[in-house]
Amino acid sequence: MAETADSLPDYQAELDTTGLYCPEPIMLMHNKVRDMRSGEVLKVVATDPATTRDVPKFCSFLGHELLLQQESGGQYRYFIRLG
C-alpha cells in the first residue's frame, strides 16, 4: 500500500535530526517537548539507526505514546503523542 500524507498522523511540531548521532537526537527531543503541551504530536526525522532503540525507550520512560515508527531509505520517522 502506498503511503499518503492522509495516512500519517497530524502533528503540531517537527524536529529534524538528520545527520546527528546518539545522544544528540534524544537531547534535542527533550528540549523540543518542553515547548509542547500534553496531547500534542511531535514528528521526528532521523538518520541514526540507534534511534530505533532510543526513541521507543524515550517514550516509555517519559510516558509519551509512539504513534508511528517508519524507516525508508536510511531515514527514520517517528510520530510521538506527548503524555
C-alpha atoms as a PDB file:
ATOM      1  CA  MET A   1       0.000   0.000   0.000  1.00  0.00           C
ATOM      2  CA  ALA A   2       1.404   3.385  -0.945  1.00  0.00           C
ATOM      3  CA  GLU A   3       1.909   5.870   1.845  1.00  0.00           C
ATOM      4  CA  THR A   4      -0.008   9.110   1.518  1.00  0.00           C
ATOM      5  CA  ALA A   5       0.025  12.281   3.565  1.00  0.00           C
ATOM      6  CA  ASP A   6      -3.514  11.363   4.667  1.00  0.00           C
ATOM      7  CA  SER A   7      -2.246   8.134   6.285  1.00  0.00           C
ATOM      8  CA  LEU A   8       0.220   9.951   8.561  1.00  0.00           C
ATOM      9  CA  PRO A   9      -0.777  11.366  11.949  1.00  0.00           C
ATOM     10  CA  ASP A  10      -1.348  15.102  12.234  1.00  0.00           C
ATOM     11  CA  TYR A  11       1.442  16.810  14.145  1.00  0.00           C
ATOM     12  CA  GLN A  12       1.965  20.170  15.795  1.00  0.00           C
ATOM     13  CA  ALA A  13       5.789  20.274  15.732  1.00  0.00           C
ATOM     14  CA  GLU A  14       8.613  18.743  13.729  1.00  0.00           C
ATOM     15  CA  LEU A  15      12.210  18.035  14.690  1.00  0.00           C
ATOM     16  CA  ASP A  16      14.802  17.194  12.023  1.00  0.00           C
ATOM     17  CA  THR A  17      17.830  15.427  13.493  1.00  0.00           C
ATOM     18  CA  THR A  18      19.207  14.297  10.123  1.00  0.00           C
ATOM     19  CA  GLY A  19      22.973  13.754  10.285  1.00  0.00           C
ATOM     20  CA  LEU A  20      23.122  13.734  14.090  1.00  0.00           C
ATOM     21  CA  TYR A  21      24.142  10.714  16.159  1.00  0.00           C
ATOM     22  CA  CYS A  22      23.425   9.466  19.654  1.00  0.00           C
ATOM     23  CA  PRO A  23      22.891  11.148  22.045  1.00  0.00           C
ATOM     24  CA  GLU A  24      22.066  14.345  20.117  1.00  0.00           C
ATOM     25  CA  PRO A  25      18.663  13.317  18.660  1.00  0.00           C
ATOM     26  CA  ILE A  26      17.328  12.387  22.098  1.00  0.00           C
ATOM     27  CA  MET A  27      18.761  15.521  23.716  1.00  0.00           C
ATOM     28  CA  LEU A  28      17.053  17.670  21.069  1.00  0.00           C
ATOM     29  CA  MET A  29      13.791  15.764  21.596  1.00  0.00           C
ATOM     30  CA  HIS A  30      13.956  16.527  25.335  1.00  0.00           C
ATOM     31  CA  ASN A  31      14.349  20.223  24.548  1.00  0.00           C
ATOM     32  CA  LYS A  32      11.562  20.224  21.942  1.00  0.00           C
ATOM     33  CA  VAL A  33       8.933  18.520  24.135  1.00  0.00           C
ATOM     34  CA  ARG A  34       9.488  21.141  26.843  1.00  0.00           C
ATOM     35  CA  ASP A  35       7.914  23.686  24.479  1.00  0.00           C
ATOM     36  CA  MET A  36       4.899  21.474  23.755  1.00  0.00           C
ATOM     37  CA  ARG A  37       1.717  20.522  25.599  1.00  0.00           C
ATOM     38  CA  SER A  38       0.324  17.167  26.608  1.00  0.00           C
ATOM     39  CA  GLY A  39      -1.623  15.590  23.748  1.00  0.00           C
ATOM     40  CA  GLU A  40       0.321  17.355  21.005  1.00  0.00           C
ATOM     41  CA  VAL A  41       2.173  15.275  18.410  1.00  0.00           C
ATOM     42  CA  LEU A  42       5.847  15.660  17.528  1.00  0.00           C
ATOM     43  CA  LYS A  43       7.246  14.362  14.234  1.00  0.00           C
ATOM     44  CA  VAL A  44      10.923  13.421  14.440  1.00  0.00           C
ATOM     45  CA  VAL A  45      13.112  12.724  11.396  1.00  0.00           C
ATOM     46  CA  ALA A  46      16.441  10.985  11.972  1.00  0.00           C
ATOM     47  CA  THR A  47      19.201   9.118  10.144  1.00  0.00           C
ATOM     48  CA  ASP A  48      20.839   7.487  13.177  1.00  0.00           C
ATOM     49  CA  PRO A  49      19.852   3.782  13.353  1.00  0.00           C
ATOM     50  CA  ALA A  50      20.241   3.943  17.157  1.00  0.00           C
ATOM     51  CA  THR A  51      17.022   5.985  17.261  1.00  0.00           C
ATOM     52  CA  THR A  52      15.071   2.779  16.549  1.00  0.00           C
ATOM     53  CA  ARG A  53      16.061   1.739  20.061  1.00  0.00           C
ATOM     54  CA  ASP A  54      16.314   5.132  21.758  1.00  0.00           C
ATOM     55  CA  VAL A  55      13.039   6.765  20.686  1.00  0.00           C
ATOM     56  CA  PRO A  56      10.765   3.944  21.973  1.00  0.00           C
ATOM     57  CA  LYS A  57      12.688   3.955  25.280  1.00  0.00           C
ATOM     58  CA  PHE A  58      12.383   7.762  25.468  1.00  0.00           C
ATOM     59  CA  CYS A  59       8.615   7.464  25.000  1.00  0.00           C
ATOM     60  CA  SER A  60       8.205   4.645  27.500  1.00  0.00           C
ATOM     61  CA  PHE A  61      10.333   6.318  30.159  1.00  0.00           C
ATOM     62  CA  LEU A  62       8.613   9.712  29.869  1.00  0.00           C
ATOM     63  CA  GLY A  63       5.045   8.469  29.358  1.00  0.00           C
ATOM     64  CA  HIS A  64       4.664   9.513  25.713  1.00  0.00           C
ATOM     65  CA  GLU A  65       2.870   7.437  23.075  1.00  0.00           C
ATOM     66  CA  LEU A  66       4.798   6.344  19.987  1.00  0.00           C
ATOM     67  CA  LEU A  67       2.064   6.562  17.345  1.00  0.00           C
ATOM     68  CA  LEU A  68       4.131   5.553  14.328  1.00  0.00           C
ATOM     69  CA  GLN A  69       7.690   4.480  13.587  1.00  0.00           C
ATOM     70  CA  GLN A  70       8.855   4.182   9.966  1.00  0.00           C
ATOM     71  CA  GLU A  71      12.099   3.543   8.109  1.00  0.00           C
ATOM     72  CA  SER A  72      12.665   4.266   4.440  1.00  0.00           C
ATOM     73  CA  GLY A  73      15.951   4.592   2.606  1.00  0.00           C
ATOM     74  CA  GLY A  74      18.031   5.146   5.733  1.00  0.00           C
ATOM     75  CA  GLN A  75      15.667   7.778   7.117  1.00  0.00           C
ATOM     76  CA  TYR A  76      13.612   7.168  10.233  1.00  0.00           C
ATOM     77  CA  ARG A  77      10.373   8.943  11.104  1.00  0.00           C
ATOM     78  CA  TYR A  78       8.606   8.938  14.445  1.00  0.00           C
ATOM     79  CA  PHE A  79       5.284  10.413  15.482  1.00  0.00           C
ATOM     80  CA  ILE A  80       5.041  10.887  19.249  1.00  0.00           C
ATOM     81  CA  ARG A  81       1.974  11.999  21.234  1.00  0.00           C
ATOM     82  CA  LEU A  82       3.087  13.738  24.395  1.00  0.00           C
ATOM     83  CA  GLY A  83       1.795  12.300  27.651  1.00  0.00           C
END
